[in-house]
Amino acid sequence: MSEIILDIQNLSKTYKHGPTALGGVDLQIRRGEIFALLGPNGAGKTTLIGAVCGLVRPSGGSIHAFGEDMGRHWRRLRARIGLVPQELSFDMFDTVARSVRFSRGMFGYPPDEARIEEVLRSLSLWDKREAKIRELSGGMKRRVMIAKALSHEPELLFLDEPTAGVDVELRRDMWRQIGELRARGTTIILTTHYIEEAEEMADRVGVINKGKILLVDDKTSIMAQLGRTEARFTLETPLSELPPSLSAFPLSLEDDGRTITYRGGDGTGKGKREVADLAKALVINQIAFTAIQTAESSLEDIFVNLVEHPQEHAA
């Protein structure tokens, strides 16, 4: 098993005269992985990141990074962590290169022009190094935020909604860049509203809602455990009700009796087998159909179901 680079135990945060933002979160991050933290607005994603990065004071619990207690060694450990926040924050009259140099110095690292050039080139910002930040597009500004976070060569990088507000082409480009960072050994934790980002990039996925972690697992395991099959049979002649002989299948009659819909399976192939058995049963029962449409659950389907019906997945 890979080394645990970040160990969060029973972390809580309750704001004075306000809500509970985190309610006893346990989370372990492995060195070298890309971990996607999914959750709706207000779920606690940004509060969790803020607690690790020193922007939020926890109400309880512990955070260990690189095997050490962040409460005791915060300054030294924080220098090994990078953060790209959701909100863009700059001196808009600063130049790109100067802004990135300043971020490196903030963490106590000496000037290193070769490192600054390497970071800017990797993010396609070298040609913009003398441009004022206010002159850049929104996507370029977000790249500058990533450059600032990488300037001190962090081992652990937080990306809070890294592609929010950028177009699809730039989003794909940034996915590639994030993959390259991981290839160099950087451990990455990202939050995102775009479920396809997690599906495309993450090794493991966590789902958080109302300050509690609902699920953490390898992406492929989640798909296998919680995936479902949906099949829609278009009938030649509408039915007024489903015959008792089909009661063993999880079916519903829709579209004024013109469609039989199957929703079942468990992500292991059971659904596909049952759909084949259902087709045979319809033939045996002389229920003619003219078309079949099948679909497997996406990670987004699973995420939405977890958030809307957490009790169905409670241990």
C-alpha atoms as a PDB file:
ATOM      1  CA  MET A   1       0.000   0.000   0.000  1.00  0.00           C
ATOM      2  CA  SER A   2       1.259   3.484  -0.853  1.00  0.00           C
ATOM      3  CA  GLU A   3       2.564   5.826   1.817  1.00  0.00           C
ATOM      4  CA  ILE A   4      -0.052   8.062   3.457  1.00  0.00           C
ATOM      5  CA  ILE A   5       0.991  11.650   2.750  1.00  0.00           C
ATOM      6  CA  LEU A   6      -1.999  13.291   4.465  1.00  0.00           C
ATOM      7  CA  ASP A   7      -3.919  11.802   7.403  1.00  0.00           C
ATOM      8  CA  ILE A   8      -7.040  13.632   8.609  1.00  0.00           C
ATOM      9  CA  GLN A   9      -8.776  12.225  11.690  1.00  0.00           C
ATOM     10  CA  ASN A  10     -12.161  13.270  13.112  1.00  0.00           C
ATOM     11  CA  LEU A  11     -11.803  16.802  11.740  1.00  0.00           C
ATOM     12  CA  SER A  12     -14.634  19.166  12.670  1.00  0.00           C
ATOM     13  CA  LYS A  13     -15.437  22.815  12.136  1.00  0.00           C
ATOM     14  CA  THR A  14     -18.403  24.656  13.613  1.00  0.00           C
ATOM     15  CA  TYR A  15     -18.590  28.382  13.000  1.00  0.00           C
ATOM     16  CA  LYS A  16     -19.623  30.624  15.880  1.00  0.00           C
ATOM     17  CA  HIS A  17     -23.365  31.296  15.646  1.00  0.00           C
ATOM     18  CA  GLY A  18     -23.259  29.368  12.380  1.00  0.00           C
ATOM     19  CA  PRO A  19     -23.503  25.934  10.822  1.00  0.00           C
ATOM     20  CA  THR A  20     -21.338  22.857  11.239  1.00  0.00           C
ATOM     21  CA  ALA A  21     -19.155  22.881   8.132  1.00  0.00           C
ATOM     22  CA  LEU A  22     -17.259  19.662   8.941  1.00  0.00           C
ATOM     23  CA  GLY A  23     -18.658  16.919  11.136  1.00  0.00           C
ATOM     24  CA  GLY A  24     -15.895  14.488  12.027  1.00  0.00           C
ATOM     25  CA  VAL A  25     -14.086  13.914   8.717  1.00  0.00           C
ATOM     26  CA  ASP A  26     -11.626  11.033   8.342  1.00  0.00           C
ATOM     27  CA  LEU A  27      -9.562  11.009   5.154  1.00  0.00           C
ATOM     28  CA  GLN A  28      -6.216   9.557   4.105  1.00  0.00           C
ATOM     29  CA  ILE A  29      -4.400  10.603   0.926  1.00  0.00           C
ATOM     30  CA  ARG A  30      -1.752   8.390  -0.658  1.00  0.00           C
ATOM     31  CA  ARG A  31       1.501   9.710  -2.038  1.00  0.00           C
ATOM     32  CA  GLY A  32       1.464  10.137  -5.824  1.00  0.00           C
ATOM     33  CA  GLU A  33      -2.281   9.803  -6.389  1.00  0.00           C
ATOM     34  CA  ILE A  34      -4.874  12.124  -7.867  1.00  0.00           C
ATOM     35  CA  PHE A  35      -7.771  12.281  -5.434  1.00  0.00           C
ATOM     36  CA  ALA A  36     -11.041  13.937  -6.457  1.00  0.00           C
ATOM     37  CA  LEU A  37     -13.302  15.307  -3.723  1.00  0.00           C
ATOM     38  CA  LEU A  38     -16.847  15.682  -4.997  1.00  0.00           C
ATOM     39  CA  GLY A  39     -19.743  17.429  -3.329  1.00  0.00           C
ATOM     40  CA  PRO A  40     -22.462  20.014  -3.936  1.00  0.00           C
ATOM     41  CA  ASN A  41     -22.075  23.674  -2.997  1.00  0.00           C
ATOM     42  CA  GLY A  42     -21.789  24.053   0.770  1.00  0.00           C
ATOM     43  CA  ALA A  43     -20.760  20.424   1.291  1.00  0.00           C
ATOM     44  CA  GLY A  44     -17.529  21.328   3.121  1.00  0.00           C
ATOM     45  CA  LYS A  45     -14.936  20.872   0.365  1.00  0.00           C
ATOM     46  CA  THR A  46     -13.359  24.320   0.612  1.00  0.00           C
ATOM     47  CA  THR A  47     -13.514  24.291   4.432  1.00  0.00           C
ATOM     48  CA  LEU A  48     -11.614  21.000   4.464  1.00  0.00           C
ATOM     49  CA  ILE A  49      -8.915  22.389   2.181  1.00  0.00           C
ATOM     50  CA  GLY A  50      -8.757  25.585   4.245  1.00  0.00           C
ATOM     51  CA  ALA A  51      -8.220  23.589   7.425  1.00  0.00           C
ATOM     52  CA  VAL A  52      -5.241  21.743   5.925  1.00  0.00           C
ATOM     53  CA  CYS A  53      -3.753  24.914   4.423  1.00  0.00           C
ATOM     54  CA  GLY A  54      -4.112  27.041   7.562  1.00  0.00           C
ATOM     55  CA  LEU A  55      -6.911  29.269   6.299  1.00  0.00           C
ATOM     56  CA  VAL A  56      -9.533  27.778   8.648  1.00  0.00           C
ATOM     57  CA  ARG A  57      -9.006  26.909  12.325  1.00  0.00           C
ATOM     58  CA  PRO A  58     -10.592  23.497  13.027  1.00  0.00           C
ATOM     59  CA  SER A  59     -12.879  23.019  16.019  1.00  0.00           C
ATOM     60  CA  GLY A  60     -11.522  19.533  16.636  1.00  0.00           C
ATOM     61  CA  GLY A  61      -9.616  16.596  15.207  1.00  0.00           C
ATOM     62  CA  SER A  62      -6.093  16.250  13.869  1.00  0.00           C
ATOM     63  CA  ILE A  63      -4.181  16.711  10.616  1.00  0.00           C
ATOM     64  CA  HIS A  64      -0.882  14.955   9.934  1.00  0.00           C
ATOM     65  CA  ALA A  65       1.084  15.722   6.762  1.00  0.00           C
ATOM     66  CA  PHE A  66       4.221  13.835   5.723  1.00  0.00           C
ATOM     67  CA  GLY A  67       3.984  11.907   9.007  1.00  0.00           C
ATOM     68  CA  GLU A  68       4.045  15.003  11.233  1.00  0.00           C
ATOM     69  CA  ASP A  69       1.429  16.929  13.202  1.00  0.00           C
ATOM     70  CA  MET A  70       0.494  20.087  11.319  1.00  0.00           C
ATOM     71  CA  GLY A  71      -0.688  21.718  14.525  1.00  0.00           C
ATOM     72  CA  ARG A  72       2.861  21.587  15.899  1.00  0.00           C
ATOM     73  CA  HIS A  73       4.902  22.118  12.744  1.00  0.00           C
ATOM     74  CA  TRP A  74       2.546  24.154  10.586  1.00  0.00           C
ATOM     75  CA  ARG A  75       5.005  26.607   9.008  1.00  0.00           C
ATOM     76  CA  ARG A  76       7.523  23.980   7.932  1.00  0.00           C
ATOM     77  CA  LEU A  77       4.904  21.541   6.644  1.00  0.00           C
ATOM     78  CA  ARG A  78       2.823  24.210   4.898  1.00  0.00           C
ATOM     79  CA  ALA A  79       5.859  25.068   2.776  1.00  0.00           C
ATOM     80  CA  ARG A  80       5.567  21.587   1.248  1.00  0.00           C
ATOM     81  CA  ILE A  81       1.920  22.136   0.246  1.00  0.00           C
ATOM     82  CA  GLY A  82       0.587  24.114  -2.718  1.00  0.00           C
ATOM     83  CA  LEU A  83      -2.896  25.611  -2.997  1.00  0.00           C
ATOM     84  CA  VAL A  84      -4.784  26.898  -6.021  1.00  0.00           C
ATOM     85  CA  PRO A  85      -7.894  28.484  -4.463  1.00  0.00           C
ATOM     86  CA  GLN A  86     -11.244  28.719  -6.172  1.00  0.00           C
ATOM     87  CA  GLU A  87     -11.271  32.515  -6.031  1.00  0.00           C
ATOM     88  CA  LEU A  88      -8.712  34.365  -8.154  1.00  0.00           C
ATOM     89  CA  SER A  89      -6.641  36.711  -5.996  1.00  0.00           C
ATOM     90  CA  PHE A  90      -3.893  38.916  -7.446  1.00  0.00           C
ATOM     91  CA  ASP A  91      -2.284  42.293  -7.534  1.00  0.00           C
ATOM     92  CA  MET A  92      -3.732  42.963 -10.979  1.00  0.00           C
ATOM     93  CA  PHE A  93      -0.976  45.467 -11.812  1.00  0.00           C
ATOM     94  CA  ASP A  94       1.798  42.981 -11.095  1.00  0.00           C
ATOM     95  CA  THR A  95       3.463  41.080 -13.919  1.00  0.00           C
ATOM     96  CA  VAL A  96       3.118  37.340 -14.267  1.00  0.00           C
ATOM     97  CA  ALA A  97       6.764  36.555 -13.488  1.00  0.00           C
ATOM     98  CA  ARG A  98       6.976  38.924 -10.519  1.00  0.00           C
ATOM     99  CA  SER A  99       3.798  37.477  -8.996  1.00  0.00           C
ATOM    100  CA  VAL A 100       5.162  33.934  -9.249  1.00  0.00           C
ATOM    101  CA  ARG A 101       8.546  34.977  -7.809  1.00  0.00           C
ATOM    102  CA  PHE A 102       6.779  36.604  -4.859  1.00  0.00           C
ATOM    103  CA  SER A 103       4.853  33.410  -4.066  1.00  0.00           C
ATOM    104  CA  ARG A 104       8.080  31.419  -3.964  1.00  0.00           C
ATOM    105  CA  GLY A 105       9.630  33.930  -1.564  1.00  0.00           C
ATOM    106  CA  MET A 106       6.588  33.834   0.723  1.00  0.00           C
ATOM    107  CA  PHE A 107       7.445  30.257   1.658  1.00  0.00           C
ATOM    108  CA  GLY A 108      11.043  31.133   2.467  1.00  0.00           C
ATOM    109  CA  TYR A 109      12.587  29.718  -0.697  1.00  0.00           C
ATOM    110  CA  PRO A 110      15.536  31.552  -2.287  1.00  0.00           C
ATOM    111  CA  PRO A 111      15.213  33.109  -5.756  1.00  0.00           C
ATOM    112  CA  ASP A 112      15.501  30.555  -8.565  1.00  0.00           C
ATOM    113  CA  GLU A 113      14.956  31.977 -12.036  1.00  0.00           C
ATOM    114  CA  ALA A 114      15.412  28.563 -13.647  1.00  0.00           C
ATOM    115  CA  ARG A 115      12.530  27.179 -11.565  1.00  0.00           C
ATOM    116  CA  ILE A 116      10.319  30.177 -12.405  1.00  0.00           C
ATOM    117  CA  GLU A 117      11.012  29.722 -16.114  1.00  0.00           C
ATOM    118  CA  GLU A 118      10.316  25.980 -15.880  1.00  0.00           C
ATOM    119  CA  VAL A 119       6.939  26.558 -14.226  1.00  0.00           C
ATOM    120  CA  LEU A 120       5.901  29.321 -16.627  1.00  0.00           C
ATOM    121  CA  ARG A 121       6.897  27.298 -19.677  1.00  0.00           C
ATOM    122  CA  SER A 122       5.034  24.208 -18.416  1.00  0.00           C
ATOM    123  CA  LEU A 123       1.843  26.294 -18.176  1.00  0.00           C
ATOM    124  CA  SER A 124       2.336  28.101 -21.521  1.00  0.00           C
ATOM    125  CA  LEU A 125       2.911  31.382 -19.674  1.00  0.00           C
ATOM    126  CA  TRP A 126       6.516  32.123 -20.606  1.00  0.00           C
ATOM    127  CA  ASP A 127       5.536  34.431 -23.456  1.00  0.00           C
ATOM    128  CA  LYS A 128       3.275  36.318 -21.011  1.00  0.00           C
ATOM    129  CA  ARG A 129       5.872  36.675 -18.264  1.00  0.00           C
ATOM    130  CA  GLU A 130       6.100  40.472 -18.528  1.00  0.00           C
ATOM    131  CA  ALA A 131       2.366  40.997 -19.079  1.00  0.00           C
ATOM    132  CA  LYS A 132       0.338  42.586 -16.312  1.00  0.00           C
ATOM    133  CA  ILE A 133      -2.126  40.131 -14.810  1.00  0.00           C
ATOM    134  CA  ARG A 134      -5.055  42.462 -15.474  1.00  0.00           C
ATOM    135  CA  GLU A 135      -4.371  42.073 -19.209  1.00  0.00           C
ATOM    136  CA  LEU A 136      -4.864  38.285 -19.158  1.00  0.00           C
ATOM    137  CA  SER A 137      -7.971  36.240 -19.927  1.00  0.00           C
ATOM    138  CA  GLY A 138      -9.747  34.358 -17.150  1.00  0.00           C
ATOM    139  CA  GLY A 139      -8.176  31.075 -18.210  1.00  0.00           C
ATOM    140  CA  MET A 140      -4.679  32.582 -18.241  1.00  0.00           C
ATOM    141  CA  LYS A 141      -5.238  34.081 -14.793  1.00  0.00           C
ATOM    142  CA  ARG A 142      -6.112  30.632 -13.489  1.00  0.00           C
ATOM    143  CA  ARG A 143      -2.881  29.290 -14.996  1.00  0.00           C
ATOM    144  CA  VAL A 144      -0.991  32.003 -13.119  1.00  0.00           C
ATOM    145  CA  MET A 145      -2.645  30.815  -9.900  1.00  0.00           C
ATOM    146  CA  ILE A 146      -1.341  27.310 -10.605  1.00  0.00           C
ATOM    147  CA  ALA A 147       2.119  28.691 -11.386  1.00  0.00           C
ATOM    148  CA  LYS A 148       2.168  30.554  -8.054  1.00  0.00           C
ATOM    149  CA  ALA A 149       1.214  27.363  -6.226  1.00  0.00           C
ATOM    150  CA  LEU A 150       3.973  25.398  -7.997  1.00  0.00           C
ATOM    151  CA  SER A 151       6.704  28.000  -7.533  1.00  0.00           C
ATOM    152  CA  HIS A 152       7.956  26.435  -4.275  1.00  0.00           C
ATOM    153  CA  GLU A 153       7.857  22.865  -5.651  1.00  0.00           C
ATOM    154  CA  PRO A 154       5.122  21.415  -3.396  1.00  0.00           C
ATOM    155  CA  GLU A 155       4.853  17.697  -2.790  1.00  0.00           C
ATOM    156  CA  LEU A 156       1.100  17.967  -2.146  1.00  0.00           C
ATOM    157  CA  LEU A 157      -1.076  20.227  -4.302  1.00  0.00           C
ATOM    158  CA  PHE A 158      -4.681  21.285  -3.664  1.00  0.00           C
ATOM    159  CA  LEU A 159      -6.726  22.421  -6.650  1.00  0.00           C
ATOM    160  CA  ASP A 160     -10.066  23.919  -5.591  1.00  0.00           C
ATOM    161  CA  GLU A 161     -12.284  23.977  -8.700  1.00  0.00           C
ATOM    162  CA  PRO A 162      -9.239  24.390 -10.996  1.00  0.00           C
ATOM    163  CA  THR A 163     -11.212  24.623 -14.243  1.00  0.00           C
ATOM    164  CA  ALA A 164     -14.163  26.713 -13.053  1.00  0.00           C
ATOM    165  CA  GLY A 165     -15.103  29.296 -15.649  1.00  0.00           C
ATOM    166  CA  VAL A 166     -12.775  28.098 -18.402  1.00  0.00           C
ATOM    167  CA  ASP A 167     -13.845  26.781 -21.794  1.00  0.00           C
ATOM    168  CA  VAL A 168     -13.818  23.092 -22.720  1.00  0.00           C
ATOM    169  CA  GLU A 169     -10.600  23.282 -24.751  1.00  0.00           C
ATOM    170  CA  LEU A 170      -8.674  24.972 -21.951  1.00  0.00           C
ATOM    171  CA  ARG A 171     -10.160  22.542 -19.420  1.00  0.00           C
ATOM    172  CA  ARG A 172      -8.795  19.601 -21.423  1.00  0.00           C
ATOM    173  CA  ASP A 173      -5.408  21.328 -21.625  1.00  0.00           C
ATOM    174  CA  MET A 174      -5.360  21.795 -17.856  1.00  0.00           C
ATOM    175  CA  TRP A 175      -6.263  18.142 -17.321  1.00  0.00           C
ATOM    176  CA  ARG A 176      -3.170  17.262 -19.342  1.00  0.00           C
ATOM    177  CA  GLN A 177      -1.048  19.593 -17.216  1.00  0.00           C
ATOM    178  CA  ILE A 178      -2.395  18.075 -14.004  1.00  0.00           C
ATOM    179  CA  GLY A 179      -1.534  14.616 -15.336  1.00  0.00           C
ATOM    180  CA  GLU A 180       2.011  15.795 -16.048  1.00  0.00           C
ATOM    181  CA  LEU A 181       2.337  17.124 -12.484  1.00  0.00           C
ATOM    182  CA  ARG A 182       1.365  13.731 -11.109  1.00  0.00           C
ATOM    183  CA  ALA A 183       3.874  12.076 -13.448  1.00  0.00           C
ATOM    184  CA  ARG A 184       6.584  14.193 -11.792  1.00  0.00           C
ATOM    185  CA  GLY A 185       5.576  12.869  -8.374  1.00  0.00           C
ATOM    186  CA  THR A 186       3.192  15.535  -7.112  1.00  0.00           C
ATOM    187  CA  THR A 187       0.231  14.291  -5.083  1.00  0.00           C
ATOM    188  CA  ILE A 188      -2.929  16.124  -6.162  1.00  0.00           C
ATOM    189  CA  ILE A 189      -6.251  16.688  -4.414  1.00  0.00           C
ATOM    190  CA  LEU A 190      -8.853  18.416  -6.535  1.00  0.00           C
ATOM    191  CA  THR A 191     -12.402  19.500  -5.929  1.00  0.00           C
ATOM    192  CA  THR A 192     -14.641  19.879  -8.926  1.00  0.00           C
ATOM    193  CA  HIS A 193     -18.187  20.399 -10.094  1.00  0.00           C
ATOM    194  CA  TYR A 194     -17.317  18.663 -13.361  1.00  0.00           C
ATOM    195  CA  ILE A 195     -17.829  14.970 -12.662  1.00  0.00           C
ATOM    196  CA  GLU A 196     -16.109  14.102 -15.937  1.00  0.00           C
ATOM    197  CA  GLU A 197     -12.893  15.527 -14.463  1.00  0.00           C
ATOM    198  CA  ALA A 198     -12.975  12.925 -11.715  1.00  0.00           C
ATOM    199  CA  GLU A 199     -13.939  10.218 -14.212  1.00  0.00           C
ATOM    200  CA  GLU A 200     -11.098  11.242 -16.529  1.00  0.00           C
ATOM    201  CA  MET A 201      -8.288  11.820 -14.053  1.00  0.00           C
ATOM    202  CA  ALA A 202      -8.783  10.582 -10.511  1.00  0.00           C
ATOM    203  CA  ASP A 203      -7.368   7.379  -9.034  1.00  0.00           C
ATOM    204  CA  ARG A 204      -9.712   7.606  -6.063  1.00  0.00           C
ATOM    205  CA  VAL A 205     -12.877   9.566  -5.416  1.00  0.00           C
ATOM    206  CA  GLY A 206     -14.423  10.873  -2.204  1.00  0.00           C
ATOM    207  CA  VAL A 207     -17.962  12.205  -1.872  1.00  0.00           C
ATOM    208  CA  ILE A 208     -18.693  14.783   0.827  1.00  0.00           C
ATOM    209  CA  ASN A 209     -22.050  16.296   1.740  1.00  0.00           C
ATOM    210  CA  LYS A 210     -23.179  18.364   4.719  1.00  0.00           C
ATOM    211  CA  GLY A 211     -19.717  18.142   6.237  1.00  0.00           C
ATOM    212  CA  LYS A 212     -19.515  14.349   6.217  1.00  0.00           C
ATOM    213  CA  ILE A 213     -17.649  11.943   3.968  1.00  0.00           C
ATOM    214  CA  LEU A 214     -20.179   9.595   2.363  1.00  0.00           C
ATOM    215  CA  LEU A 215     -17.781   7.428   0.414  1.00  0.00           C
ATOM    216  CA  VAL A 216     -14.094   7.040  -0.428  1.00  0.00           C
ATOM    217  CA  ASP A 217     -12.872   4.367  -2.818  1.00  0.00           C
ATOM    218  CA  ASP A 218     -11.003   3.647  -6.008  1.00  0.00           C
ATOM    219  CA  LYS A 219     -12.932   4.999  -8.969  1.00  0.00           C
ATOM    220  CA  THR A 220     -13.234   1.595 -10.602  1.00  0.00           C
ATOM    221  CA  SER A 221     -14.473   0.021  -7.346  1.00  0.00           C
ATOM    222  CA  ILE A 222     -17.161   2.687  -6.983  1.00  0.00           C
ATOM    223  CA  MET A 223     -18.345   2.016 -10.504  1.00  0.00           C
ATOM    224  CA  ALA A 224     -18.418  -1.729  -9.800  1.00  0.00           C
ATOM    225  CA  GLN A 225     -20.176  -1.483  -6.418  1.00  0.00           C
ATOM    226  CA  LEU A 226     -22.695   1.243  -7.152  1.00  0.00           C
ATOM    227  CA  GLY A 227     -23.087   1.169 -10.911  1.00  0.00           C
ATOM    228  CA  ARG A 228     -26.494   0.337 -12.313  1.00  0.00           C
ATOM    229  CA  THR A 229     -27.968  -0.739 -15.647  1.00  0.00           C
ATOM    230  CA  GLU A 230     -31.017   0.904 -17.214  1.00  0.00           C
ATOM    231  CA  ALA A 231     -32.857  -0.659 -20.161  1.00  0.00           C
ATOM    232  CA  ARG A 232     -35.939   0.680 -21.931  1.00  0.00           C
ATOM    233  CA  PHE A 233     -38.075  -1.668 -24.030  1.00  0.00           C
ATOM    234  CA  THR A 234     -40.364   0.108 -26.508  1.00  0.00           C
ATOM    235  CA  LEU A 235     -43.511  -2.010 -26.820  1.00  0.00           C
ATOM    236  CA  GLU A 236     -45.379  -2.727 -30.028  1.00  0.00           C
ATOM    237  CA  THR A 237     -48.700  -2.578 -28.149  1.00  0.00           C
ATOM    238  CA  PRO A 238     -49.171  -0.555 -24.915  1.00  0.00           C
ATOM    239  CA  LEU A 239     -49.844  -2.430 -21.654  1.00  0.00           C
ATOM    240  CA  SER A 240     -52.260  -1.364 -18.944  1.00  0.00           C
ATOM    241  CA  GLU A 241     -50.173  -3.135 -16.285  1.00  0.00           C
ATOM    242  CA  LEU A 242     -47.160  -5.412 -15.924  1.00  0.00           C
ATOM    243  CA  PRO A 243     -47.999  -9.128 -15.852  1.00  0.00           C
ATOM    244  CA  PRO A 244     -47.222 -10.999 -12.583  1.00  0.00           C
ATOM    245  CA  SER A 245     -44.828 -13.272 -14.486  1.00  0.00           C
ATOM    246  CA  LEU A 246     -42.363 -10.324 -14.691  1.00  0.00           C
ATOM    247  CA  SER A 247     -42.488  -9.496 -10.968  1.00  0.00           C
ATOM    248  CA  ALA A 248     -38.970 -10.883 -10.373  1.00  0.00           C
ATOM    249  CA  PHE A 249     -37.472  -7.991 -12.364  1.00  0.00           C
ATOM    250  CA  PRO A 250     -37.132  -4.365 -11.088  1.00  0.00           C
ATOM    251  CA  LEU A 251     -39.470  -2.853 -13.692  1.00  0.00           C
ATOM    252  CA  SER A 252     -41.712   0.145 -14.198  1.00  0.00           C
ATOM    253  CA  LEU A 253     -44.291   0.824 -16.880  1.00  0.00           C
ATOM    254  CA  GLU A 254     -43.863   4.280 -18.421  1.00  0.00           C
ATOM    255  CA  ASP A 255     -44.983   6.462 -21.348  1.00  0.00           C
ATOM    256  CA  ASP A 256     -48.655   5.493 -20.941  1.00  0.00           C
ATOM    257  CA  GLY A 257     -47.793   1.809 -21.080  1.00  0.00           C
ATOM    258  CA  ARG A 258     -45.619   2.043 -24.185  1.00  0.00           C
ATOM    259  CA  THR A 259     -42.283   1.488 -22.394  1.00  0.00           C
ATOM    260  CA  ILE A 260     -41.069  -1.091 -19.886  1.00  0.00           C
ATOM    261  CA  THR A 261     -38.061   0.278 -18.005  1.00  0.00           C
ATOM    262  CA  TYR A 262     -35.590  -1.916 -16.140  1.00  0.00           C
ATOM    263  CA  ARG A 263     -33.348  -0.340 -13.473  1.00  0.00           C
ATOM    264  CA  GLY A 264     -31.117  -2.755 -11.614  1.00  0.00           C
ATOM    265  CA  GLY A 265     -27.835  -4.582 -11.472  1.00  0.00           C
ATOM    266  CA  ASP A 266     -24.890  -3.946  -9.200  1.00  0.00           C
ATOM    267  CA  GLY A 267     -22.060  -2.922 -11.485  1.00  0.00           C
ATOM    268  CA  THR A 268     -20.741  -6.490 -11.787  1.00  0.00           C
ATOM    269  CA  GLY A 269     -22.572  -7.369 -14.977  1.00  0.00           C
ATOM    270  CA  LYS A 270     -25.698  -8.593 -13.210  1.00  0.00           C
ATOM    271  CA  GLY A 271     -27.787  -5.885 -14.888  1.00  0.00           C
ATOM    272  CA  LYS A 272     -26.771  -6.928 -18.386  1.00  0.00           C
ATOM    273  CA  ARG A 273     -27.587 -10.562 -17.622  1.00  0.00           C
ATOM    274  CA  GLU A 274     -30.988  -9.621 -16.209  1.00  0.00           C
ATOM    275  CA  VAL A 275     -31.788  -7.478 -19.265  1.00  0.00           C
ATOM    276  CA  ALA A 276     -31.066 -10.499 -21.488  1.00  0.00           C
ATOM    277  CA  ASP A 277     -33.284 -12.668 -19.278  1.00  0.00           C
ATOM    278  CA  LEU A 278     -36.006  -9.999 -19.383  1.00  0.00           C
ATOM    279  CA  ALA A 279     -35.942  -9.937 -23.180  1.00  0.00           C
ATOM    280  CA  LYS A 280     -36.459 -13.726 -23.195  1.00  0.00           C
ATOM    281  CA  ALA A 281     -39.301 -13.395 -20.668  1.00  0.00           C
ATOM    282  CA  LEU A 282     -41.053 -10.794 -22.827  1.00  0.00           C
ATOM    283  CA  VAL A 283     -40.885 -13.131 -25.819  1.00  0.00           C
ATOM    284  CA  ILE A 284     -42.221 -16.041 -23.737  1.00  0.00           C
ATOM    285  CA  ASN A 285     -45.077 -13.824 -22.502  1.00  0.00           C
ATOM    286  CA  GLN A 286     -45.796 -12.746 -26.096  1.00  0.00           C
ATOM    287  CA  ILE A 287     -45.078  -9.079 -25.297  1.00  0.00           C
ATOM    288  CA  ALA A 288     -43.667  -7.724 -28.543  1.00  0.00           C
ATOM    289  CA  PHE A 289     -41.122  -4.902 -28.453  1.00  0.00           C
ATOM    290  CA  THR A 290     -39.666  -2.838 -31.271  1.00  0.00           C
ATOM    291  CA  ALA A 291     -36.539  -1.385 -29.667  1.00  0.00           C
ATOM    292  CA  ILE A 292     -34.210  -1.729 -26.654  1.00  0.00           C
ATOM    293  CA  GLN A 293     -32.077   1.111 -25.251  1.00  0.00           C
ATOM    294  CA  THR A 294     -29.524   0.302 -22.536  1.00  0.00           C
ATOM    295  CA  ALA A 295     -27.180   2.502 -20.510  1.00  0.00           C
ATOM    296  CA  GLU A 296     -24.721   1.992 -17.659  1.00  0.00           C
ATOM    297  CA  SER A 297     -24.429   4.411 -14.730  1.00  0.00           C
ATOM    298  CA  SER A 298     -21.833   7.138 -15.015  1.00  0.00           C
ATOM    299  CA  LEU A 299     -19.886   8.425 -12.021  1.00  0.00           C
ATOM    300  CA  GLU A 300     -22.199  11.441 -12.121  1.00  0.00           C
ATOM    301  CA  ASP A 301     -25.271   9.211 -11.744  1.00  0.00           C
ATOM    302  CA  ILE A 302     -23.666   7.522  -8.731  1.00  0.00           C
ATOM    303  CA  PHE A 303     -22.663  10.865  -7.198  1.00  0.00           C
ATOM    304  CA  VAL A 304     -26.153  12.343  -7.543  1.00  0.00           C
ATOM    305  CA  ASN A 305     -27.731   9.233  -6.036  1.00  0.00           C
ATOM    306  CA  LEU A 306     -25.291   9.272  -3.100  1.00  0.00           C
ATOM    307  CA  VAL A 307     -26.007  12.921  -2.303  1.00  0.00           C
ATOM    308  CA  GLU A 308     -29.779  12.660  -2.722  1.00  0.00           C
ATOM    309  CA  HIS A 309     -30.205   9.256  -1.025  1.00  0.00           C
ATOM    310  CA  PRO A 310     -27.268   8.767   1.409  1.00  0.00           C
ATOM    311  CA  GLN A 311     -29.324   6.458   3.652  1.00  0.00           C
ATOM    312  CA  GLU A 312     -29.397   3.852   0.869  1.00  0.00           C
ATOM    313  CA  HIS A 313     -25.610   3.537   1.077  1.00  0.00           C
ATOM    314  CA  ALA A 314     -25.132   3.851   4.834  1.00  0.00           C
ATOM    315  CA  ALA A 315     -23.143   1.088   6.458  1.00  0.00           C
END
